[in-house]
C-alpha atoms as a PDB file:
ATOM      1  CA  MET A   1       0.000   0.000   0.000  1.00  0.00           C
ATOM      2  CA  SER A   2       1.321   3.480  -0.804  1.00  0.00           C
ATOM      3  CA  ALA A   3       1.525   6.463   1.513  1.00  0.00           C
ATOM      4  CA  ALA A   4      -1.247   8.101  -0.499  1.00  0.00           C
ATOM      5  CA  THR A   5      -3.669   5.298   0.361  1.00  0.00           C
ATOM      6  CA  GLY A   6      -2.850   5.075   4.049  1.00  0.00           C
ATOM      7  CA  GLY A   7       0.033   2.623   4.176  1.00  0.00           C
ATOM      8  CA  PRO A   8       3.607   3.088   5.232  1.00  0.00           C
ATOM      9  CA  GLY A   9       5.642   6.077   4.175  1.00  0.00           C
ATOM     10  CA  PRO A  10       5.716   9.681   5.292  1.00  0.00           C
ATOM     11  CA  LEU A  11       2.041  10.379   4.660  1.00  0.00           C
ATOM     12  CA  GLY A  12       1.004   7.257   6.540  1.00  0.00           C
ATOM     13  CA  LEU A  13       3.233   8.305   9.431  1.00  0.00           C
ATOM     14  CA  LEU A  14       1.794  11.834   9.399  1.00  0.00           C
ATOM     15  CA  ALA A  15      -1.770  10.503   9.254  1.00  0.00           C
ATOM     16  CA  GLY A  16      -1.009   8.325  12.273  1.00  0.00           C
ATOM     17  CA  LEU A  17       0.338  11.306  14.186  1.00  0.00           C
ATOM     18  CA  PHE A  18      -2.750  13.373  13.445  1.00  0.00           C
ATOM     19  CA  GLU A  19      -5.012  10.512  14.556  1.00  0.00           C
ATOM     20  CA  GLY A  20      -2.911   9.522  17.589  1.00  0.00           C
ATOM     21  CA  GLU A  21      -0.848  12.196  19.312  1.00  0.00           C
ATOM     22  CA  GLY A  22      -2.802  14.894  17.474  1.00  0.00           C
ATOM     23  CA  SER A  23      -5.918  14.056  19.458  1.00  0.00           C
ATOM     24  CA  ALA A  24      -4.202  15.401  22.580  1.00  0.00           C
ATOM     25  CA  GLU A  25      -5.088  18.631  24.337  1.00  0.00           C
ATOM     26  CA  TYR A  26      -3.447  21.699  22.805  1.00  0.00           C
ATOM     27  CA  PHE A  27      -2.019  23.883  25.598  1.00  0.00           C
ATOM     28  CA  GLY A  28      -5.400  24.730  27.075  1.00  0.00           C
ATOM     29  CA  GLU A  29      -6.999  25.728  23.760  1.00  0.00           C
ATOM     30  CA  GLU A  30     -10.529  24.555  22.930  1.00  0.00           C
ATOM     31  CA  VAL A  31      -9.240  22.395  20.058  1.00  0.00           C
ATOM     32  CA  THR A  32      -6.873  19.443  19.884  1.00  0.00           C
ATOM     33  CA  GLN A  33      -3.433  19.708  18.320  1.00  0.00           C
ATOM     34  CA  ALA A  34      -4.687  18.006  15.156  1.00  0.00           C
ATOM     35  CA  GLU A  35      -7.787  20.203  14.915  1.00  0.00           C
ATOM     36  CA  HIS A  36      -5.585  23.275  15.276  1.00  0.00           C
ATOM     37  CA  MET A  37      -3.225  22.168  12.514  1.00  0.00           C
ATOM     38  CA  LEU A  38      -6.059  21.070  10.204  1.00  0.00           C
ATOM     39  CA  GLN A  39      -7.759  24.437  10.731  1.00  0.00           C
ATOM     40  CA  ALA A  40      -4.525  26.274   9.871  1.00  0.00           C
ATOM     41  CA  GLY A  41      -4.244  24.277   6.641  1.00  0.00           C
ATOM     42  CA  ALA A  42      -7.897  24.939   5.797  1.00  0.00           C
ATOM     43  CA  LEU A  43      -7.494  28.679   6.465  1.00  0.00           C
ATOM     44  CA  ALA A  44      -4.442  28.793   4.199  1.00  0.00           C
ATOM     45  CA  GLU A  45      -6.326  26.990   1.446  1.00  0.00           C
ATOM     46  CA  ALA A  46      -9.362  29.282   1.846  1.00  0.00           C
ATOM     47  CA  ALA A  47      -7.028  32.278   1.483  1.00  0.00           C
ATOM     48  CA  GLY A  48      -5.846  30.932  -1.886  1.00  0.00           C
ATOM     49  CA  ALA A  49      -2.343  30.166  -0.629  1.00  0.00           C
ATOM     50  CA  PRO A  50      -0.045  28.077  -2.834  1.00  0.00           C
ATOM     51  CA  ASP A  51       0.266  24.391  -2.002  1.00  0.00           C
ATOM     52  CA  HIS A  52       3.562  24.748  -0.139  1.00  0.00           C
ATOM     53  CA  LEU A  53       2.039  27.280   2.271  1.00  0.00           C
ATOM     54  CA  VAL A  54      -1.068  25.158   2.809  1.00  0.00           C
ATOM     55  CA  ALA A  55       1.276  22.288   3.701  1.00  0.00           C
ATOM     56  CA  ALA A  56       3.383  24.495   5.989  1.00  0.00           C
ATOM     57  CA  ALA A  57       0.247  25.734   7.771  1.00  0.00           C
ATOM     58  CA  LEU A  58      -1.040  22.179   8.101  1.00  0.00           C
ATOM     59  CA  LEU A  59       2.258  20.849   9.476  1.00  0.00           C
ATOM     60  CA  HIS A  60       3.515  23.898  11.403  1.00  0.00           C
ATOM     61  CA  ASP A  61       3.153  22.374  14.888  1.00  0.00           C
ATOM     62  CA  ILE A  62       4.336  18.842  14.106  1.00  0.00           C
ATOM     63  CA  GLY A  63       7.254  19.478  16.486  1.00  0.00           C
ATOM     64  CA  HIS A  64       4.804  19.472  19.416  1.00  0.00           C
ATOM     65  CA  PHE A  65       4.226  15.751  18.909  1.00  0.00           C
ATOM     66  CA  HIS A  66       6.708  14.970  21.624  1.00  0.00           C
ATOM     67  CA  GLY A  67       6.411  11.195  21.573  1.00  0.00           C
ATOM     68  CA  THR A  68       7.453  10.727  17.958  1.00  0.00           C
ATOM     69  CA  VAL A  69       9.118  13.950  16.898  1.00  0.00           C
ATOM     70  CA  THR A  70      10.691  15.657  19.916  1.00  0.00           C
ATOM     71  CA  GLY A  71      11.001  13.521  23.028  1.00  0.00           C
ATOM     72  CA  ARG A  72       9.489  14.989  26.205  1.00  0.00           C
ATOM     73  CA  ASP A  73       7.351  18.119  26.235  1.00  0.00           C
ATOM     74  CA  LEU A  74       9.505  20.917  27.661  1.00  0.00           C
ATOM     75  CA  MET A  75       6.667  23.452  27.336  1.00  0.00           C
ATOM     76  CA  GLU A  76       4.986  21.799  30.313  1.00  0.00           C
ATOM     77  CA  ASP A  77       8.113  22.690  32.312  1.00  0.00           C
ATOM     78  CA  GLY A  78       8.041  26.328  31.137  1.00  0.00           C
ATOM     79  CA  LEU A  79      10.917  25.817  28.691  1.00  0.00           C
ATOM     80  CA  ASP A  80      10.999  26.458  24.947  1.00  0.00           C
ATOM     81  CA  ASN A  81      10.789  23.099  23.202  1.00  0.00           C
ATOM     82  CA  ARG A  82      11.960  24.703  19.927  1.00  0.00           C
ATOM     83  CA  HIS A  83       9.154  22.803  18.205  1.00  0.00           C
ATOM     84  CA  SER A  84       9.440  24.977  15.115  1.00  0.00           C
ATOM     85  CA  HIS A  85      13.050  23.918  14.505  1.00  0.00           C
ATOM     86  CA  THR A  86      12.550  20.303  15.533  1.00  0.00           C
ATOM     87  CA  GLY A  87       9.459  19.980  13.370  1.00  0.00           C
ATOM     88  CA  ALA A  88      11.119  21.599  10.346  1.00  0.00           C
ATOM     89  CA  ASP A  89      14.189  19.364  10.650  1.00  0.00           C
ATOM     90  CA  TRP A  90      12.001  16.268  10.984  1.00  0.00           C
ATOM     91  CA  LEU A  91       9.853  17.236   7.971  1.00  0.00           C
ATOM     92  CA  ALA A  92      12.933  17.990   5.830  1.00  0.00           C
ATOM     93  CA  ARG A  93      13.322  14.252   5.230  1.00  0.00           C
ATOM     94  CA  TRP A  94      10.313  14.460   2.926  1.00  0.00           C
ATOM     95  CA  PHE A  95       9.620  18.097   2.078  1.00  0.00           C
ATOM     96  CA  GLY A  96      11.698  20.910   0.630  1.00  0.00           C
ATOM     97  CA  PRO A  97      12.489  24.280   2.216  1.00  0.00           C
ATOM     98  CA  GLU A  98       9.410  25.911   0.706  1.00  0.00           C
ATOM     99  CA  VAL A  99       7.449  23.845   3.280  1.00  0.00           C
ATOM    100  CA  THR A 100       9.969  23.487   6.102  1.00  0.00           C
ATOM    101  CA  GLU A 101      11.245  27.057   6.402  1.00  0.00           C
ATOM    102  CA  PRO A 102       7.843  28.623   7.178  1.00  0.00           C
ATOM    103  CA  VAL A 103       7.468  25.855   9.793  1.00  0.00           C
ATOM    104  CA  ARG A 104      10.925  26.700  11.192  1.00  0.00           C
ATOM    105  CA  LEU A 105      10.166  30.438  11.300  1.00  0.00           C
ATOM    106  CA  HIS A 106       6.548  30.480  12.517  1.00  0.00           C
ATOM    107  CA  VAL A 107       7.509  31.087  16.169  1.00  0.00           C
ATOM    108  CA  ALA A 108       9.911  33.848  15.151  1.00  0.00           C
ATOM    109  CA  ALA A 109       7.052  35.298  13.086  1.00  0.00           C
ATOM    110  CA  LYS A 110       4.883  35.532  16.215  1.00  0.00           C
ATOM    111  CA  ARG A 111       7.687  37.327  18.061  1.00  0.00           C
ATOM    112  CA  TYR A 112       8.166  39.574  15.009  1.00  0.00           C
ATOM    113  CA  LEU A 113       4.491  40.474  14.644  1.00  0.00           C
ATOM    114  CA  CYS A 114       4.198  41.346  18.334  1.00  0.00           C
ATOM    115  CA  THR A 115       6.811  44.070  17.763  1.00  0.00           C
ATOM    116  CA  ALA A 116       6.243  45.117  14.157  1.00  0.00           C
ATOM    117  CA  GLU A 117       2.448  45.294  14.141  1.00  0.00           C
ATOM    118  CA  PRO A 118       0.608  47.298  16.781  1.00  0.00           C
ATOM    119  CA  GLY A 119      -2.344  45.321  18.055  1.00  0.00           C
ATOM    120  CA  TYR A 120      -1.088  41.862  17.092  1.00  0.00           C
ATOM    121  CA  PHE A 121      -0.341  40.929  20.698  1.00  0.00           C
ATOM    122  CA  GLY A 122      -4.020  41.525  21.478  1.00  0.00           C
ATOM    123  CA  LEU A 123      -4.979  38.773  19.018  1.00  0.00           C
ATOM    124  CA  LEU A 124      -3.009  36.107  20.899  1.00  0.00           C
ATOM    125  CA  SER A 125      -4.866  33.504  22.931  1.00  0.00           C
ATOM    126  CA  GLU A 126      -3.950  33.082  26.587  1.00  0.00           C
ATOM    127  CA  ALA A 127      -1.912  29.980  25.748  1.00  0.00           C
ATOM    128  CA  SER A 128      -0.119  31.825  22.947  1.00  0.00           C
ATOM    129  CA  VAL A 129       0.769  34.684  25.317  1.00  0.00           C
ATOM    130  CA  HIS A 130       2.276  32.121  27.713  1.00  0.00           C
ATOM    131  CA  THR A 131       4.304  30.421  24.985  1.00  0.00           C
ATOM    132  CA  LEU A 132       5.452  33.819  23.684  1.00  0.00           C
ATOM    133  CA  ARG A 133       7.124  34.445  27.052  1.00  0.00           C
ATOM    134  CA  VAL A 134       8.775  31.022  26.961  1.00  0.00           C
ATOM    135  CA  GLN A 135       9.908  31.589  23.348  1.00  0.00           C
ATOM    136  CA  GLY A 136      11.717  34.850  24.063  1.00  0.00           C
ATOM    137  CA  GLY A 137       8.982  37.489  23.975  1.00  0.00           C
ATOM    138  CA  PRO A 138       8.558  40.165  21.310  1.00  0.00           C
ATOM    139  CA  MET A 139      11.614  40.876  19.165  1.00  0.00           C
ATOM    140  CA  ASP A 140      13.787  43.906  19.701  1.00  0.00           C
ATOM    141  CA  PRO A 141      14.363  46.255  16.714  1.00  0.00           C
ATOM    142  CA  GLU A 142      17.597  44.511  15.714  1.00  0.00           C
ATOM    143  CA  GLN A 143      15.885  41.114  15.731  1.00  0.00           C
ATOM    144  CA  VAL A 144      13.026  42.569  13.645  1.00  0.00           C
ATOM    145  CA  ARG A 145      15.476  43.734  10.963  1.00  0.00           C
ATOM    146  CA  ALA A 146      17.254  40.364  10.970  1.00  0.00           C
ATOM    147  CA  PHE A 147      13.956  38.483  10.657  1.00  0.00           C
ATOM    148  CA  GLU A 148      12.744  40.674   7.781  1.00  0.00           C
ATOM    149  CA  ALA A 149      15.942  39.872   5.870  1.00  0.00           C
ATOM    150  CA  LEU A 150      15.430  36.102   6.074  1.00  0.00           C
ATOM    151  CA  PRO A 151      14.316  34.244   2.963  1.00  0.00           C
ATOM    152  CA  GLY A 152      10.881  32.895   3.759  1.00  0.00           C
ATOM    153  CA  ALA A 153      10.033  35.496   6.402  1.00  0.00           C
ATOM    154  CA  ALA A 154       6.907  36.627   4.526  1.00  0.00           C
ATOM    155  CA  ASP A 155       5.725  33.006   4.177  1.00  0.00           C
ATOM    156  CA  ALA A 156       6.305  32.457   7.899  1.00  0.00           C
ATOM    157  CA  VAL A 157       4.236  35.537   8.740  1.00  0.00           C
ATOM    158  CA  ALA A 158       1.391  34.187   6.595  1.00  0.00           C
ATOM    159  CA  VAL A 159       1.563  30.800   8.358  1.00  0.00           C
ATOM    160  CA  ARG A 160       1.633  32.576  11.720  1.00  0.00           C
ATOM    161  CA  ARG A 161      -1.542  34.511  10.946  1.00  0.00           C
ATOM    162  CA  TRP A 162      -3.398  31.290  10.079  1.00  0.00           C
ATOM    163  CA  ASP A 163      -1.875  29.636  13.140  1.00  0.00           C
ATOM    164  CA  GLU A 164      -3.358  32.217  15.500  1.00  0.00           C
ATOM    165  CA  ARG A 165      -6.829  32.000  13.913  1.00  0.00           C
ATOM    166  CA  ALA A 166      -6.871  28.177  13.936  1.00  0.00           C
ATOM    167  CA  LYS A 167      -8.334  27.680  17.403  1.00  0.00           C
ATOM    168  CA  ASP A 168     -12.078  27.681  16.747  1.00  0.00           C
ATOM    169  CA  PRO A 169     -13.918  24.740  18.337  1.00  0.00           C
ATOM    170  CA  LEU A 170     -16.882  25.320  15.992  1.00  0.00           C
ATOM    171  CA  MET A 171     -14.966  25.469  12.715  1.00  0.00           C
ATOM    172  CA  ASP A 172     -15.904  22.783  10.191  1.00  0.00           C
ATOM    173  CA  THR A 173     -12.535  21.432   9.115  1.00  0.00           C
ATOM    174  CA  PRO A 174     -11.515  18.742   6.630  1.00  0.00           C
ATOM    175  CA  ASP A 175      -9.639  15.733   7.974  1.00  0.00           C
ATOM    176  CA  PHE A 176      -6.046  14.772   7.185  1.00  0.00           C
ATOM    177  CA  ALA A 177      -7.110  12.597   4.235  1.00  0.00           C
ATOM    178  CA  TYR A 178      -8.400  15.718   2.481  1.00  0.00           C
ATOM    179  CA  PHE A 179      -4.863  17.171   2.416  1.00  0.00           C
ATOM    180  CA  ARG A 180      -3.100  13.946   1.298  1.00  0.00           C
ATOM    181  CA  PRO A 181      -3.113  14.707  -2.464  1.00  0.00           C
ATOM    182  CA  LEU A 182      -1.605  18.134  -1.849  1.00  0.00           C
ATOM    183  CA  LEU A 183       1.096  16.675   0.420  1.00  0.00           C
ATOM    184  CA  GLU A 184       1.771  13.878  -2.071  1.00  0.00           C
ATOM    185  CA  ARG A 185       2.519  16.469  -4.777  1.00  0.00           C
ATOM    186  CA  LEU A 186       5.035  18.187  -2.477  1.00  0.00           C
ATOM    187  CA  LEU A 187       6.986  15.107  -1.370  1.00  0.00           C
ATOM    188  CA  ARG A 188      10.633  15.281  -2.321  1.00  0.00           C
ATOM    189  CA  THR A 189      11.714  12.834  -4.974  1.00  0.00           C
ATOM    190  CA  ASP A 190      15.447  12.997  -4.213  1.00  0.00           C
ATOM    191  CA  GLY A 191      15.364  10.450  -1.441  1.00  0.00           C
END
């Protein structure tokens, strides 16, 4: 059986994570981790984002799956688990930088937006405010300039905006299988 039909391979592994660990509570939000990520992917698609950004939005928090991807959950101990970097590195086995770099930079994008855009901090959920503190707080002006110069910064900001809106317990969201064809098209073919 192929990954596209539910068998082994990266898409089968991802589907299992969404169905297993993804059903866990999401830092006090009213949605599970999987619901949050599926909502982010759906919001990106509804905004007309290109496939690689839909995938990045869908997979942005894969680094929180601490059993398979990261080990223990440091966030529970008030420490930054660097889930954005861990998740991006883990996904890089199968996806190119057009998907992994917005994942890697989505936490930095939150820190950036809290400094660069008046009012953004007010959009953060209580859990997101807590994790912002753990992740280093809003950027200083030098960090803002450095972030803006990064390739992929604009994509990361887009993912971050969908990320923050993807916490609606009433949102009708497609399941992981809906996104499989899109992810299949983005899988790296170089091994």
